[in-house]
Amino acid sequence: MEEEQEDSLEELEEGLDVLMILERAYESTIKAHVVREPKTNDTRPIPSTATSHLSSQISSSSPSSPSVTMFQQQSHIPSSGSSNVPPSSPPVSHPLQNSPEFIPLMAGSSTALLAVLEHAPHKPQRSSSPHPAADIPVGITTHDAVLKIAHLGDCMGMLVRDEEVVWRSEEMWWSFNTPVQLGPSSSARPKDAQILTLPVQADDILILASDGLSDNLWDEEVLDEVVRFKRSFLSSKSGARKQQDVVNMSQGLLGRRSLAGMLSEALCSRARRVSERRGTSCGSPSSFDDEVPFARRAREQGRSFRGGKIDDISVLVAVISPAADAPMSKS
């Protein structure tokens, strides 16, 4: 036990391995990605009360361990619900019939984008990734924290500093409209992810989003929303202060959380409006002006696509806060 604790402490001292986190998350997902094996020899009806109780527990259970919850709840189905057992007979256990068996669900796949914020390490770190981490952007020499990012597929990651994009993720594709994904039937594995280490500063804005955002909004449009919200949110009544002074007088941790929440809502709303846009005819002069990123990629592949792209849109926004603004823990 002591050796395991020492190993864990050593890992924390060396920093978090973002690839290891992704691998463990993938393993947990695969274990939970199961379906109940159909029974052909068990025709006994399950009491409706037990079924409803089981369903309610599954819907409210933690996504990280649904299979455990289902096993536990199924074991509580009373044996008295079976009509094959006489009332005068003692309870009979049928573990093979009462306990459901689960098999892996071989359908479905997913992209992955993971970001971990941690203080800058004091010594070189070991990584389980076979690919070297991306170089730190030129011109940044001092930083107190870094973002460790694992990216696989076509999700979008963007880091905005002041009013400039200092990092943008690169999509990974098998072919047109077929991103690299993790799944039981896919050859891709977490080790194939792009691993990056980015230095960050206070008030940097990190955006992690599904392809529903990047398929409908250009990077310039995303940056436009960031700048617009940041200016309006951090502007002072005097309006004459320098940008750095405006940033410093922001409302601390609560203000950054509010900014992140409102910005994510704005990006989702703007992308949704574009996705519902109907395309113009090919001969229209504005056909290229209204072109969304997905339509341009389609055109470059010799395909025709007009209007917005209907898709799920998920946006996560984080504003980097200095440690001084973090809430103090109480003993």
C-alpha atoms as a PDB file:
ATOM      1  CA  MET A   1       0.000   0.000   0.000  1.00  0.00           C
ATOM      2  CA  GLU A   2       2.801   2.405   0.883  1.00  0.00           C
ATOM      3  CA  GLU A   3       4.542   1.679  -2.418  1.00  0.00           C
ATOM      4  CA  GLU A   4       1.337   2.458  -4.346  1.00  0.00           C
ATOM      5  CA  GLN A   5       0.915   5.733  -2.454  1.00  0.00           C
ATOM      6  CA  GLU A   6       4.524   6.680  -3.135  1.00  0.00           C
ATOM      7  CA  ASP A   7       4.058   5.940  -6.839  1.00  0.00           C
ATOM      8  CA  SER A   8       0.915   8.094  -6.911  1.00  0.00           C
ATOM      9  CA  LEU A   9       2.692  10.972  -5.181  1.00  0.00           C
ATOM     10  CA  GLU A  10       5.590  10.651  -7.593  1.00  0.00           C
ATOM     11  CA  GLU A  11       3.189  10.858 -10.540  1.00  0.00           C
ATOM     12  CA  LEU A  12       1.625  14.019  -9.100  1.00  0.00           C
ATOM     13  CA  GLU A  13       5.031  15.597  -8.570  1.00  0.00           C
ATOM     14  CA  GLU A  14       5.963  14.881 -12.173  1.00  0.00           C
ATOM     15  CA  GLY A  15       2.684  16.281 -13.442  1.00  0.00           C
ATOM     16  CA  LEU A  16      -0.488  14.823 -14.858  1.00  0.00           C
ATOM     17  CA  ASP A  17      -0.179  12.622 -17.919  1.00  0.00           C
ATOM     18  CA  VAL A  18      -3.074  13.699 -20.115  1.00  0.00           C
ATOM     19  CA  LEU A  19      -2.722  10.626 -22.334  1.00  0.00           C
ATOM     20  CA  MET A  20      -3.043   8.338 -19.323  1.00  0.00           C
ATOM     21  CA  ILE A  21      -6.227  10.162 -18.319  1.00  0.00           C
ATOM     22  CA  LEU A  22      -7.626   9.678 -21.821  1.00  0.00           C
ATOM     23  CA  GLU A  23      -6.707   5.986 -21.846  1.00  0.00           C
ATOM     24  CA  ARG A  24      -8.386   5.363 -18.491  1.00  0.00           C
ATOM     25  CA  ALA A  25     -11.480   7.281 -19.553  1.00  0.00           C
ATOM     26  CA  TYR A  26     -11.661   5.222 -22.750  1.00  0.00           C
ATOM     27  CA  GLU A  27     -11.295   1.953 -20.833  1.00  0.00           C
ATOM     28  CA  SER A  28     -14.071   2.972 -18.439  1.00  0.00           C
ATOM     29  CA  THR A  29     -16.309   3.939 -21.339  1.00  0.00           C
ATOM     30  CA  ILE A  30     -15.781   0.625 -23.118  1.00  0.00           C
ATOM     31  CA  LYS A  31     -16.594  -1.291 -19.926  1.00  0.00           C
ATOM     32  CA  ALA A  32     -19.815   0.682 -19.527  1.00  0.00           C
ATOM     33  CA  HIS A  33     -20.699   0.473 -23.239  1.00  0.00           C
ATOM     34  CA  VAL A  34     -22.665  -2.776 -22.975  1.00  0.00           C
ATOM     35  CA  VAL A  35     -26.131  -4.134 -23.676  1.00  0.00           C
ATOM     36  CA  ARG A  36     -28.133  -6.834 -21.973  1.00  0.00           C
ATOM     37  CA  GLU A  37     -27.740 -10.196 -23.652  1.00  0.00           C
ATOM     38  CA  PRO A  38     -31.124 -11.426 -24.922  1.00  0.00           C
ATOM     39  CA  LYS A  39     -32.521 -14.445 -23.081  1.00  0.00           C
ATOM     40  CA  THR A  40     -34.268 -17.086 -25.163  1.00  0.00           C
ATOM     41  CA  ASN A  41     -34.959 -19.667 -22.447  1.00  0.00           C
ATOM     42  CA  ASP A  42     -36.281 -17.352 -19.738  1.00  0.00           C
ATOM     43  CA  THR A  43     -39.919 -16.410 -20.377  1.00  0.00           C
ATOM     44  CA  ARG A  44     -40.830 -15.423 -16.826  1.00  0.00           C
ATOM     45  CA  PRO A  45     -42.330 -11.913 -16.618  1.00  0.00           C
ATOM     46  CA  ILE A  46     -40.514  -9.377 -14.492  1.00  0.00           C
ATOM     47  CA  PRO A  47     -42.813  -7.485 -12.101  1.00  0.00           C
ATOM     48  CA  SER A  48     -43.630  -4.006 -13.367  1.00  0.00           C
ATOM     49  CA  THR A  49     -42.662  -2.436 -10.041  1.00  0.00           C
ATOM     50  CA  ALA A  50     -39.199  -3.909 -10.254  1.00  0.00           C
ATOM     51  CA  THR A  51     -38.831  -2.789 -13.858  1.00  0.00           C
ATOM     52  CA  SER A  52     -39.774   0.801 -13.115  1.00  0.00           C
ATOM     53  CA  HIS A  53     -37.479   0.858 -10.095  1.00  0.00           C
ATOM     54  CA  LEU A  54     -34.616  -0.437 -12.198  1.00  0.00           C
ATOM     55  CA  SER A  55     -35.194   2.114 -14.948  1.00  0.00           C
ATOM     56  CA  SER A  56     -35.267   5.040 -12.540  1.00  0.00           C
ATOM     57  CA  GLN A  57     -32.017   3.965 -10.969  1.00  0.00           C
ATOM     58  CA  ILE A  58     -30.297   3.632 -14.337  1.00  0.00           C
ATOM     59  CA  SER A  59     -31.350   7.082 -15.498  1.00  0.00           C
ATOM     60  CA  SER A  60     -30.024   8.731 -12.363  1.00  0.00           C
ATOM     61  CA  SER A  61     -26.863   6.692 -12.023  1.00  0.00           C
ATOM     62  CA  SER A  62     -23.377   7.956 -12.702  1.00  0.00           C
ATOM     63  CA  PRO A  63     -22.313   7.565 -16.359  1.00  0.00           C
ATOM     64  CA  SER A  64     -18.967   6.201 -15.217  1.00  0.00           C
ATOM     65  CA  SER A  65     -20.412   3.016 -13.768  1.00  0.00           C
ATOM     66  CA  PRO A  66     -23.864   2.234 -15.184  1.00  0.00           C
ATOM     67  CA  SER A  67     -23.155  -1.488 -15.459  1.00  0.00           C
ATOM     68  CA  VAL A  68     -22.427  -1.746 -11.730  1.00  0.00           C
ATOM     69  CA  THR A  69     -25.650   0.063 -10.884  1.00  0.00           C
ATOM     70  CA  MET A  70     -27.701  -2.179 -13.125  1.00  0.00           C
ATOM     71  CA  PHE A  71     -26.255  -5.314 -11.561  1.00  0.00           C
ATOM     72  CA  GLN A  72     -26.974  -4.028  -8.084  1.00  0.00           C
ATOM     73  CA  GLN A  73     -30.539  -2.988  -8.841  1.00  0.00           C
ATOM     74  CA  GLN A  74     -31.357  -6.194 -10.702  1.00  0.00           C
ATOM     75  CA  SER A  75     -30.236  -8.265  -7.722  1.00  0.00           C
ATOM     76  CA  HIS A  76     -32.931  -6.573  -5.612  1.00  0.00           C
ATOM     77  CA  ILE A  77     -35.820  -7.830  -7.762  1.00  0.00           C
ATOM     78  CA  PRO A  78     -37.862  -9.909  -5.299  1.00  0.00           C
ATOM     79  CA  SER A  79     -38.050 -13.600  -6.112  1.00  0.00           C
ATOM     80  CA  SER A  80     -41.685 -13.606  -5.010  1.00  0.00           C
ATOM     81  CA  GLY A  81     -42.554 -12.021  -8.348  1.00  0.00           C
ATOM     82  CA  SER A  82     -42.070 -15.337 -10.119  1.00  0.00           C
ATOM     83  CA  SER A  83     -45.212 -17.415 -10.570  1.00  0.00           C
ATOM     84  CA  ASN A  84     -43.156 -20.631 -10.822  1.00  0.00           C
ATOM     85  CA  VAL A  85     -42.402 -20.676  -7.092  1.00  0.00           C
ATOM     86  CA  PRO A  86     -45.234 -21.874  -4.824  1.00  0.00           C
ATOM     87  CA  PRO A  87     -46.062 -19.534  -1.931  1.00  0.00           C
ATOM     88  CA  SER A  88     -45.309 -22.225   0.625  1.00  0.00           C
ATOM     89  CA  SER A  89     -41.895 -23.015  -0.814  1.00  0.00           C
ATOM     90  CA  PRO A  90     -38.774 -21.336   0.532  1.00  0.00           C
ATOM     91  CA  PRO A  91     -37.167 -18.654  -1.658  1.00  0.00           C
ATOM     92  CA  VAL A  92     -35.284 -20.203  -4.538  1.00  0.00           C
ATOM     93  CA  SER A  93     -32.334 -18.412  -6.102  1.00  0.00           C
ATOM     94  CA  HIS A  94     -31.831 -18.556  -9.858  1.00  0.00           C
ATOM     95  CA  PRO A  95     -28.640 -16.570 -10.374  1.00  0.00           C
ATOM     96  CA  LEU A  96     -28.324 -17.441 -14.053  1.00  0.00           C
ATOM     97  CA  GLN A  97     -31.881 -16.331 -14.749  1.00  0.00           C
ATOM     98  CA  ASN A  98     -32.242 -13.399 -12.330  1.00  0.00           C
ATOM     99  CA  SER A  99     -28.862 -11.796 -12.958  1.00  0.00           C
ATOM    100  CA  PRO A 100     -28.654 -10.304 -16.443  1.00  0.00           C
ATOM    101  CA  GLU A 101     -25.590 -10.901 -18.541  1.00  0.00           C
ATOM    102  CA  PHE A 102     -24.101  -8.083 -20.542  1.00  0.00           C
ATOM    103  CA  ILE A 103     -22.136  -8.153 -23.760  1.00  0.00           C
ATOM    104  CA  PRO A 104     -20.014  -5.396 -25.344  1.00  0.00           C
ATOM    105  CA  LEU A 105     -21.867  -3.046 -27.663  1.00  0.00           C
ATOM    106  CA  MET A 106     -19.742  -3.009 -30.810  1.00  0.00           C
ATOM    107  CA  ALA A 107     -21.512  -0.032 -32.396  1.00  0.00           C
ATOM    108  CA  GLY A 108     -20.778   3.627 -31.872  1.00  0.00           C
ATOM    109  CA  SER A 109     -17.652   5.772 -31.786  1.00  0.00           C
ATOM    110  CA  SER A 110     -16.540   9.151 -30.537  1.00  0.00           C
ATOM    111  CA  THR A 111     -13.949  11.849 -31.007  1.00  0.00           C
ATOM    112  CA  ALA A 112     -11.998  13.050 -27.980  1.00  0.00           C
ATOM    113  CA  LEU A 113     -10.690  16.393 -26.759  1.00  0.00           C
ATOM    114  CA  LEU A 114      -9.258  16.622 -23.260  1.00  0.00           C
ATOM    115  CA  ALA A 115      -7.559  19.571 -21.548  1.00  0.00           C
ATOM    116  CA  VAL A 116      -5.918  19.615 -18.113  1.00  0.00           C
ATOM    117  CA  LEU A 117      -4.648  22.770 -16.411  1.00  0.00           C
ATOM    118  CA  GLU A 118      -1.696  22.467 -14.074  1.00  0.00           C
ATOM    119  CA  HIS A 119       1.198  24.503 -12.750  1.00  0.00           C
ATOM    120  CA  ALA A 120       4.347  24.525 -14.823  1.00  0.00           C
ATOM    121  CA  PRO A 121       6.591  21.582 -13.851  1.00  0.00           C
ATOM    122  CA  HIS A 122       9.961  22.118 -12.246  1.00  0.00           C
ATOM    123  CA  LYS A 123      11.585  19.173 -14.006  1.00  0.00           C
ATOM    124  CA  PRO A 124      11.125  17.258 -17.261  1.00  0.00           C
ATOM    125  CA  GLN A 125       8.114  14.959 -17.307  1.00  0.00           C
ATOM    126  CA  ARG A 126       7.710  11.443 -18.500  1.00  0.00           C
ATOM    127  CA  SER A 127       4.898  10.759 -20.903  1.00  0.00           C
ATOM    128  CA  SER A 128       3.297   7.549 -22.089  1.00  0.00           C
ATOM    129  CA  SER A 129       2.672   9.086 -25.508  1.00  0.00           C
ATOM    130  CA  PRO A 130       4.774   7.723 -28.395  1.00  0.00           C
ATOM    131  CA  HIS A 131       4.402  11.093 -30.120  1.00  0.00           C
ATOM    132  CA  PRO A 132       6.471  14.058 -28.884  1.00  0.00           C
ATOM    133  CA  ALA A 133       4.492  16.913 -27.418  1.00  0.00           C
ATOM    134  CA  ALA A 134       4.004  19.974 -29.568  1.00  0.00           C
ATOM    135  CA  ASP A 135       6.489  22.811 -29.232  1.00  0.00           C
ATOM    136  CA  ILE A 136       5.613  25.741 -27.021  1.00  0.00           C
ATOM    137  CA  PRO A 137       4.702  28.816 -29.100  1.00  0.00           C
ATOM    138  CA  VAL A 138       7.612  31.138 -29.799  1.00  0.00           C
ATOM    139  CA  GLY A 139       7.731  34.377 -27.855  1.00  0.00           C
ATOM    140  CA  ILE A 140       6.413  32.997 -24.567  1.00  0.00           C
ATOM    141  CA  THR A 141       9.186  32.702 -22.024  1.00  0.00           C
ATOM    142  CA  THR A 142       7.502  33.001 -18.648  1.00  0.00           C
ATOM    143  CA  HIS A 143       4.389  31.245 -17.440  1.00  0.00           C
ATOM    144  CA  ASP A 144       3.002  29.866 -14.211  1.00  0.00           C
ATOM    145  CA  ALA A 145       0.732  27.189 -15.650  1.00  0.00           C
ATOM    146  CA  VAL A 146       0.330  25.001 -18.696  1.00  0.00           C
ATOM    147  CA  LEU A 147      -2.505  23.320 -20.523  1.00  0.00           C
ATOM    148  CA  LYS A 148      -2.003  19.675 -21.423  1.00  0.00           C
ATOM    149  CA  ILE A 149      -4.219  18.672 -24.302  1.00  0.00           C
ATOM    150  CA  ALA A 150      -5.074  15.344 -25.920  1.00  0.00           C
ATOM    151  CA  HIS A 151      -6.969  15.634 -29.190  1.00  0.00           C
ATOM    152  CA  LEU A 152      -8.300  12.984 -31.553  1.00  0.00           C
ATOM    153  CA  GLY A 153     -10.834  13.670 -34.281  1.00  0.00           C
ATOM    154  CA  ASP A 154     -12.514  16.843 -35.500  1.00  0.00           C
ATOM    155  CA  CYS A 155     -13.455  18.593 -32.278  1.00  0.00           C
ATOM    156  CA  MET A 156     -12.266  22.193 -32.089  1.00  0.00           C
ATOM    157  CA  GLY A 157      -9.894  23.609 -29.502  1.00  0.00           C
ATOM    158  CA  MET A 158      -8.897  27.270 -29.443  1.00  0.00           C
ATOM    159  CA  LEU A 159      -6.868  29.412 -27.040  1.00  0.00           C
ATOM    160  CA  VAL A 160      -7.417  33.173 -27.207  1.00  0.00           C
ATOM    161  CA  ARG A 161      -5.086  35.676 -25.554  1.00  0.00           C
ATOM    162  CA  ASP A 162      -6.164  39.311 -25.521  1.00  0.00           C
ATOM    163  CA  GLU A 163      -7.627  39.533 -29.031  1.00  0.00           C
ATOM    164  CA  GLU A 164      -5.542  36.945 -30.848  1.00  0.00           C
ATOM    165  CA  VAL A 165      -5.768  33.201 -31.424  1.00  0.00           C
ATOM    166  CA  VAL A 166      -2.545  31.709 -30.056  1.00  0.00           C
ATOM    167  CA  TRP A 167      -3.520  28.081 -30.662  1.00  0.00           C
ATOM    168  CA  ARG A 168      -6.041  26.226 -32.796  1.00  0.00           C
ATOM    169  CA  SER A 169      -6.406  22.452 -33.005  1.00  0.00           C
ATOM    170  CA  GLU A 170      -5.938  20.554 -36.253  1.00  0.00           C
ATOM    171  CA  GLU A 171      -8.609  18.090 -37.329  1.00  0.00           C
ATOM    172  CA  MET A 172      -7.736  14.432 -37.844  1.00  0.00           C
ATOM    173  CA  TRP A 173      -9.607  12.758 -40.712  1.00  0.00           C
ATOM    174  CA  TRP A 174      -9.845   9.350 -42.329  1.00  0.00           C
ATOM    175  CA  SER A 175     -11.569  10.944 -45.327  1.00  0.00           C
ATOM    176  CA  PHE A 176     -14.086  13.687 -46.066  1.00  0.00           C
ATOM    177  CA  ASN A 177     -16.630  13.970 -43.255  1.00  0.00           C
ATOM    178  CA  THR A 178     -15.095  10.913 -41.595  1.00  0.00           C
ATOM    179  CA  PRO A 179     -13.042  11.997 -38.592  1.00  0.00           C
ATOM    180  CA  VAL A 180     -10.741   9.726 -36.659  1.00  0.00           C
ATOM    181  CA  GLN A 181     -12.747   8.306 -33.757  1.00  0.00           C
ATOM    182  CA  LEU A 182     -12.366   5.951 -30.839  1.00  0.00           C
ATOM    183  CA  GLY A 183     -14.620   2.933 -30.650  1.00  0.00           C
ATOM    184  CA  PRO A 184     -14.789  -0.878 -30.542  1.00  0.00           C
ATOM    185  CA  SER A 185     -14.778  -1.175 -34.325  1.00  0.00           C
ATOM    186  CA  SER A 186     -12.182   1.554 -34.932  1.00  0.00           C
ATOM    187  CA  SER A 187      -8.459   0.959 -35.350  1.00  0.00           C
ATOM    188  CA  ALA A 188      -7.695   4.261 -33.606  1.00  0.00           C
ATOM    189  CA  ARG A 189      -6.634   4.146 -29.976  1.00  0.00           C
ATOM    190  CA  PRO A 190      -5.974   6.854 -27.371  1.00  0.00           C
ATOM    191  CA  LYS A 191      -2.229   6.619 -28.076  1.00  0.00           C
ATOM    192  CA  ASP A 192      -2.942   8.030 -31.552  1.00  0.00           C
ATOM    193  CA  ALA A 193      -4.119  11.334 -30.101  1.00  0.00           C
ATOM    194  CA  GLN A 194      -2.243  14.562 -30.666  1.00  0.00           C
ATOM    195  CA  ILE A 195      -0.557  15.601 -27.404  1.00  0.00           C
ATOM    196  CA  LEU A 196       0.210  19.264 -26.774  1.00  0.00           C
ATOM    197  CA  THR A 197       1.538  21.376 -23.919  1.00  0.00           C
ATOM    198  CA  LEU A 198       0.600  25.055 -24.032  1.00  0.00           C
ATOM    199  CA  PRO A 199       1.694  27.768 -21.578  1.00  0.00           C
ATOM    200  CA  VAL A 200      -1.181  29.940 -20.400  1.00  0.00           C
ATOM    201  CA  GLN A 201      -1.606  33.303 -18.738  1.00  0.00           C
ATOM    202  CA  ALA A 202      -4.313  34.846 -16.600  1.00  0.00           C
ATOM    203  CA  ASP A 203      -7.470  35.731 -18.546  1.00  0.00           C
ATOM    204  CA  ASP A 204      -6.619  33.464 -21.477  1.00  0.00           C
ATOM    205  CA  ILE A 205      -9.821  31.994 -22.883  1.00  0.00           C
ATOM    206  CA  LEU A 206      -9.965  28.306 -23.815  1.00  0.00           C
ATOM    207  CA  ILE A 207     -12.726  27.032 -26.089  1.00  0.00           C
ATOM    208  CA  LEU A 208     -13.441  23.313 -26.534  1.00  0.00           C
ATOM    209  CA  ALA A 209     -16.267  22.513 -28.919  1.00  0.00           C
ATOM    210  CA  SER A 210     -17.797  19.786 -31.045  1.00  0.00           C
ATOM    211  CA  ASP A 211     -17.639  19.982 -34.823  1.00  0.00           C
ATOM    212  CA  GLY A 212     -21.126  21.475 -34.836  1.00  0.00           C
ATOM    213  CA  LEU A 213     -19.422  24.774 -33.999  1.00  0.00           C
ATOM    214  CA  SER A 214     -16.420  24.562 -36.328  1.00  0.00           C
ATOM    215  CA  ASP A 215     -18.523  23.278 -39.254  1.00  0.00           C
ATOM    216  CA  ASN A 216     -20.706  26.389 -39.134  1.00  0.00           C
ATOM    217  CA  LEU A 217     -18.516  29.207 -37.801  1.00  0.00           C
ATOM    218  CA  TRP A 218     -15.192  30.384 -39.138  1.00  0.00           C
ATOM    219  CA  ASP A 219     -12.379  30.952 -36.668  1.00  0.00           C
ATOM    220  CA  GLU A 220     -12.695  34.695 -37.288  1.00  0.00           C
ATOM    221  CA  GLU A 221     -16.359  34.550 -36.255  1.00  0.00           C
ATOM    222  CA  VAL A 222     -15.505  32.665 -33.068  1.00  0.00           C
ATOM    223  CA  LEU A 223     -12.809  35.219 -32.252  1.00  0.00           C
ATOM    224  CA  ASP A 224     -15.283  38.018 -32.983  1.00  0.00           C
ATOM    225  CA  GLU A 225     -17.634  36.658 -30.314  1.00  0.00           C
ATOM    226  CA  VAL A 226     -14.781  36.306 -27.819  1.00  0.00           C
ATOM    227  CA  VAL A 227     -13.560  39.866 -28.352  1.00  0.00           C
ATOM    228  CA  ARG A 228     -17.074  41.309 -28.264  1.00  0.00           C
ATOM    229  CA  PHE A 229     -17.967  39.633 -24.985  1.00  0.00           C
ATOM    230  CA  LYS A 230     -14.617  40.303 -23.379  1.00  0.00           C
ATOM    231  CA  ARG A 231     -14.751  43.996 -24.215  1.00  0.00           C
ATOM    232  CA  SER A 232     -18.315  44.441 -23.024  1.00  0.00           C
ATOM    233  CA  PHE A 233     -17.846  42.331 -19.921  1.00  0.00           C
ATOM    234  CA  LEU A 234     -14.540  43.801 -18.774  1.00  0.00           C
ATOM    235  CA  SER A 235     -15.095  47.402 -19.829  1.00  0.00           C
ATOM    236  CA  SER A 236     -15.186  50.023 -17.061  1.00  0.00           C
ATOM    237  CA  LYS A 237     -17.519  52.972 -16.701  1.00  0.00           C
ATOM    238  CA  SER A 238     -14.755  55.463 -17.396  1.00  0.00           C
ATOM    239  CA  GLY A 239     -13.855  53.752 -20.656  1.00  0.00           C
ATOM    240  CA  ALA A 240     -10.449  55.429 -20.622  1.00  0.00           C
ATOM    241  CA  ARG A 241      -8.418  52.746 -18.893  1.00  0.00           C
ATOM    242  CA  LYS A 242      -5.908  50.652 -20.728  1.00  0.00           C
ATOM    243  CA  GLN A 243      -6.796  47.109 -21.648  1.00  0.00           C
ATOM    244  CA  GLN A 244      -4.495  45.653 -19.000  1.00  0.00           C
ATOM    245  CA  ASP A 245      -6.111  47.808 -16.324  1.00  0.00           C
ATOM    246  CA  VAL A 246      -9.519  46.648 -17.481  1.00  0.00           C
ATOM    247  CA  VAL A 247      -8.452  43.025 -17.191  1.00  0.00           C
ATOM    248  CA  ASN A 248      -7.025  43.588 -13.721  1.00  0.00           C
ATOM    249  CA  MET A 249     -10.220  45.179 -12.462  1.00  0.00           C
ATOM    250  CA  SER A 250     -12.387  42.261 -13.575  1.00  0.00           C
ATOM    251  CA  GLN A 251     -14.581  40.638 -10.989  1.00  0.00           C
ATOM    252  CA  GLY A 252     -12.232  37.839 -10.046  1.00  0.00           C
ATOM    253  CA  LEU A 253     -13.258  34.206 -10.181  1.00  0.00           C
ATOM    254  CA  LEU A 254     -17.004  34.888 -10.216  1.00  0.00           C
ATOM    255  CA  GLY A 255     -16.641  37.325 -13.078  1.00  0.00           C
ATOM    256  CA  ARG A 256     -14.613  34.894 -15.138  1.00  0.00           C
ATOM    257  CA  ARG A 257     -17.178  32.169 -14.582  1.00  0.00           C
ATOM    258  CA  SER A 258     -19.950  34.492 -15.732  1.00  0.00           C
ATOM    259  CA  LEU A 259     -17.967  35.469 -18.814  1.00  0.00           C
ATOM    260  CA  ALA A 260     -17.330  31.813 -19.667  1.00  0.00           C
ATOM    261  CA  GLY A 261     -20.992  30.907 -19.286  1.00  0.00           C
ATOM    262  CA  MET A 262     -22.316  33.773 -21.384  1.00  0.00           C
ATOM    263  CA  LEU A 263     -19.695  33.270 -24.095  1.00  0.00           C
ATOM    264  CA  SER A 264     -20.460  29.561 -24.447  1.00  0.00           C
ATOM    265  CA  GLU A 265     -24.179  30.350 -24.776  1.00  0.00           C
ATOM    266  CA  ALA A 266     -23.465  33.018 -27.395  1.00  0.00           C
ATOM    267  CA  LEU A 267     -21.269  30.710 -29.467  1.00  0.00           C
ATOM    268  CA  CYS A 268     -23.862  27.925 -29.340  1.00  0.00           C
ATOM    269  CA  SER A 269     -26.656  30.285 -30.360  1.00  0.00           C
ATOM    270  CA  ARG A 270     -24.707  31.796 -33.239  1.00  0.00           C
ATOM    271  CA  ALA A 271     -23.657  28.398 -34.577  1.00  0.00           C
ATOM    272  CA  ARG A 272     -27.222  27.095 -34.294  1.00  0.00           C
ATOM    273  CA  ARG A 273     -28.600  30.038 -36.271  1.00  0.00           C
ATOM    274  CA  VAL A 274     -26.055  29.432 -39.023  1.00  0.00           C
ATOM    275  CA  SER A 275     -26.733  25.682 -39.054  1.00  0.00           C
ATOM    276  CA  GLU A 276     -30.412  26.363 -39.760  1.00  0.00           C
ATOM    277  CA  ARG A 277     -29.621  28.672 -42.674  1.00  0.00           C
ATOM    278  CA  ARG A 278     -30.945  27.589 -46.057  1.00  0.00           C
ATOM    279  CA  GLY A 279     -28.452  27.638 -48.895  1.00  0.00           C
ATOM    280  CA  THR A 280     -28.681  29.890 -51.931  1.00  0.00           C
ATOM    281  CA  SER A 281     -28.486  28.658 -55.503  1.00  0.00           C
ATOM    282  CA  CYS A 282     -25.082  27.852 -56.949  1.00  0.00           C
ATOM    283  CA  GLY A 283     -25.307  30.702 -59.456  1.00  0.00           C
ATOM    284  CA  SER A 284     -26.022  33.319 -56.807  1.00  0.00           C
ATOM    285  CA  PRO A 285     -23.245  35.883 -56.208  1.00  0.00           C
ATOM    286  CA  SER A 286     -23.665  35.398 -52.470  1.00  0.00           C
ATOM    287  CA  SER A 287     -23.296  31.611 -52.576  1.00  0.00           C
ATOM    288  CA  PHE A 288     -19.625  31.815 -51.639  1.00  0.00           C
ATOM    289  CA  ASP A 289     -20.149  34.702 -49.217  1.00  0.00           C
ATOM    290  CA  ASP A 290     -22.558  32.598 -47.147  1.00  0.00           C
ATOM    291  CA  GLU A 291     -20.382  29.489 -47.352  1.00  0.00           C
ATOM    292  CA  VAL A 292     -19.733  27.769 -44.032  1.00  0.00           C
ATOM    293  CA  PRO A 293     -16.488  25.891 -43.300  1.00  0.00           C
ATOM    294  CA  PHE A 294     -18.104  22.506 -43.942  1.00  0.00           C
ATOM    295  CA  ALA A 295     -19.389  23.664 -47.335  1.00  0.00           C
ATOM    296  CA  ARG A 296     -15.932  24.849 -48.366  1.00  0.00           C
ATOM    297  CA  ARG A 297     -14.380  21.495 -47.453  1.00  0.00           C
ATOM    298  CA  ALA A 298     -17.108  19.775 -49.455  1.00  0.00           C
ATOM    299  CA  ARG A 299     -16.461  22.021 -52.464  1.00  0.00           C
ATOM    300  CA  GLU A 300     -12.734  21.313 -52.273  1.00  0.00           C
ATOM    301  CA  GLN A 301     -13.596  17.604 -52.469  1.00  0.00           C
ATOM    302  CA  GLY A 302     -15.773  18.114 -55.530  1.00  0.00           C
ATOM    303  CA  ARG A 303     -19.030  17.877 -53.590  1.00  0.00           C
ATOM    304  CA  SER A 304     -21.941  20.265 -53.423  1.00  0.00           C
ATOM    305  CA  PHE A 305     -23.234  21.522 -50.088  1.00  0.00           C
ATOM    306  CA  ARG A 306     -25.165  24.717 -49.415  1.00  0.00           C
ATOM    307  CA  GLY A 307     -26.517  26.309 -46.288  1.00  0.00           C
ATOM    308  CA  GLY A 308     -25.636  25.471 -42.706  1.00  0.00           C
ATOM    309  CA  LYS A 309     -24.806  22.017 -41.378  1.00  0.00           C
ATOM    310  CA  ILE A 310     -27.290  20.642 -38.874  1.00  0.00           C
ATOM    311  CA  ASP A 311     -25.368  18.880 -36.116  1.00  0.00           C
ATOM    312  CA  ASP A 312     -25.039  18.683 -32.365  1.00  0.00           C
ATOM    313  CA  ILE A 313     -23.328  21.771 -30.944  1.00  0.00           C
ATOM    314  CA  SER A 314     -21.467  21.561 -27.642  1.00  0.00           C
ATOM    315  CA  VAL A 315     -19.240  24.383 -26.398  1.00  0.00           C
ATOM    316  CA  LEU A 316     -17.142  24.527 -23.246  1.00  0.00           C
ATOM    317  CA  VAL A 317     -15.453  27.827 -22.345  1.00  0.00           C
ATOM    318  CA  ALA A 318     -12.877  28.313 -19.589  1.00  0.00           C
ATOM    319  CA  VAL A 319     -11.232  31.565 -18.510  1.00  0.00           C
ATOM    320  CA  ILE A 320      -7.827  31.029 -16.915  1.00  0.00           C
ATOM    321  CA  SER A 321      -7.797  32.465 -13.399  1.00  0.00           C
ATOM    322  CA  PRO A 322      -4.700  33.233 -11.315  1.00  0.00           C
ATOM    323  CA  ALA A 323      -4.289  31.257  -8.119  1.00  0.00           C
ATOM    324  CA  ALA A 324      -4.837  34.431  -6.089  1.00  0.00           C
ATOM    325  CA  ASP A 325      -8.485  34.514  -7.242  1.00  0.00           C
ATOM    326  CA  ALA A 326      -9.170  30.892  -6.358  1.00  0.00           C
ATOM    327  CA  PRO A 327     -11.361  30.327  -3.281  1.00  0.00           C
ATOM    328  CA  MET A 328      -9.404  29.469  -0.160  1.00  0.00           C
ATOM    329  CA  SER A 329     -10.162  26.081   1.355  1.00  0.00           C
ATOM    330  CA  LYS A 330     -11.347  26.012   4.946  1.00  0.00           C
ATOM    331  CA  SER A 331     -10.102  23.422   7.379  1.00  0.00           C
END
